[in-house]
Amino acid sequence: MFELRSGVTYLLLERDELERFNECSAGAVSFLDGKAWTVDLTTTCHEYVAKVVGFHSWFRRELETLHAPELSAMSGKRHELEQSMRDAGFEV
């Protein structure tokens, strides 16, 4: 169910609707136990997105650190290619 409050749309789930779904994992049941009768997924989604973005930022930094020599060599080759293209009269 969607609800509009103060110009903001919220995604809400009713617990009784969720409890009818009998294939909930133990983690899902534990999550629901701590929630009110209406679960605001907006907050949960924002928290999840923040964790995913944090993970991707960390993972990218790790890859850049691990592959720094290869990335540097590739960047140098790109600059050489761009210069060769400029020297040949191409706009880069």
Protein backbone atom coordinates (compact mmCIF):
# COMPACT_ATOMS: atom_id res chain seq x y z
CA MET A 1 0.00 0.00 0.00
CA PHE A 2 1.23 3.48 -0.81
CA GLU A 3 0.48 6.47 1.36
CA LEU A 4 1.06 10.13 0.59
CA ARG A 5 2.03 12.32 3.57
CA SER A 6 3.28 15.88 3.26
CA GLY A 7 4.04 15.36 -0.41
CA VAL A 8 6.13 12.22 0.26
CA THR A 9 5.05 8.77 -0.90
CA TYR A 10 5.57 5.95 1.61
CA LEU A 11 5.55 2.23 0.83
CA LEU A 12 3.73 0.48 3.64
CA LEU A 13 3.10 -3.20 4.29
CA GLU A 14 0.47 -4.47 6.68
CA ARG A 15 1.80 -7.16 9.01
CA ASP A 16 -1.36 -9.25 8.79
CA GLU A 17 -0.88 -9.41 5.01
CA LEU A 18 2.72 -10.51 5.47
CA GLU A 19 1.85 -13.08 8.12
CA ARG A 20 -0.41 -14.86 5.62
CA PHE A 21 2.71 -15.60 3.59
CA ASN A 22 3.75 -18.86 5.27
CA GLU A 23 7.19 -19.20 3.67
CA CYS A 24 8.89 -16.45 5.70
CA SER A 25 12.47 -17.11 6.70
CA ALA A 26 13.56 -16.90 10.32
CA GLY A 27 15.17 -13.53 9.52
CA ALA A 28 11.91 -12.21 8.07
CA VAL A 29 9.95 -13.35 11.11
CA SER A 30 12.51 -11.73 13.40
CA PHE A 31 12.32 -8.50 11.38
CA LEU A 32 8.52 -8.45 11.64
CA ASP A 33 8.52 -9.19 15.38
CA GLY A 34 10.16 -5.85 16.06
CA LYS A 35 7.80 -3.84 13.86
CA ALA A 36 4.46 -2.15 14.36
CA TRP A 37 1.37 -3.45 12.59
CA THR A 38 2.22 -1.28 9.60
CA VAL A 39 5.77 -1.68 8.30
CA ASP A 40 7.17 1.40 6.56
CA LEU A 41 9.41 -0.03 3.86
CA THR A 42 10.53 3.47 2.87
CA THR A 43 12.90 3.65 5.83
CA THR A 44 14.02 0.05 5.35
CA CYS A 45 14.74 0.69 1.66
CA HIS A 46 16.70 3.86 2.44
CA GLU A 47 18.79 1.98 5.02
CA TYR A 48 19.41 -0.85 2.54
CA VAL A 49 20.41 1.54 -0.25
CA ALA A 50 22.86 3.29 2.10
CA LYS A 51 24.47 -0.08 2.92
CA VAL A 52 24.68 -1.07 -0.76
CA VAL A 53 26.20 2.29 -1.75
CA GLY A 54 28.69 2.00 1.13
CA PHE A 55 29.65 -1.52 0.03
CA HIS A 56 30.08 -0.49 -3.60
CA SER A 57 32.24 2.49 -2.60
CA TRP A 58 34.44 0.26 -0.44
CA PHE A 59 34.63 -2.41 -3.16
CA ARG A 60 35.61 0.13 -5.82
CA ARG A 61 38.37 1.55 -3.59
CA GLU A 62 39.67 -1.97 -2.96
CA LEU A 63 39.68 -2.77 -6.68
CA GLU A 64 41.41 0.51 -7.50
CA THR A 65 44.06 -0.21 -4.86
CA LEU A 66 44.54 -3.82 -5.94
CA HIS A 67 44.74 -2.98 -9.65
CA ALA A 68 46.48 0.41 -9.41
CA PRO A 69 49.44 -0.63 -11.61
CA GLU A 70 47.16 -1.94 -14.38
CA LEU A 71 44.86 1.10 -14.18
CA SER A 72 47.84 3.44 -14.36
CA ALA A 73 49.25 1.63 -17.40
CA MET A 74 45.86 1.69 -19.09
CA SER A 75 45.49 5.42 -18.41
CA GLY A 76 48.94 6.05 -19.89
CA LYS A 77 48.04 4.09 -23.02
CA ARG A 78 44.79 6.05 -23.35
CA HIS A 79 46.68 9.33 -23.17
CA GLU A 80 49.17 8.08 -25.79
CA LEU A 81 46.32 7.08 -28.09
CA GLU A 82 44.56 10.42 -27.63
CA GLN A 83 47.78 12.27 -28.42
CA SER A 84 48.34 10.15 -31.53
CA MET A 85 44.80 10.94 -32.66
CA ARG A 86 45.36 14.66 -32.08
CA ASP A 87 48.63 14.52 -34.01
CA ALA A 88 46.76 12.87 -36.89
CA GLY A 89 44.23 15.72 -36.91
CA PHE A 90 41.36 14.08 -35.07
CA GLU A 91 39.39 15.96 -32.45
CA VAL A 92 39.52 14.15 -29.12
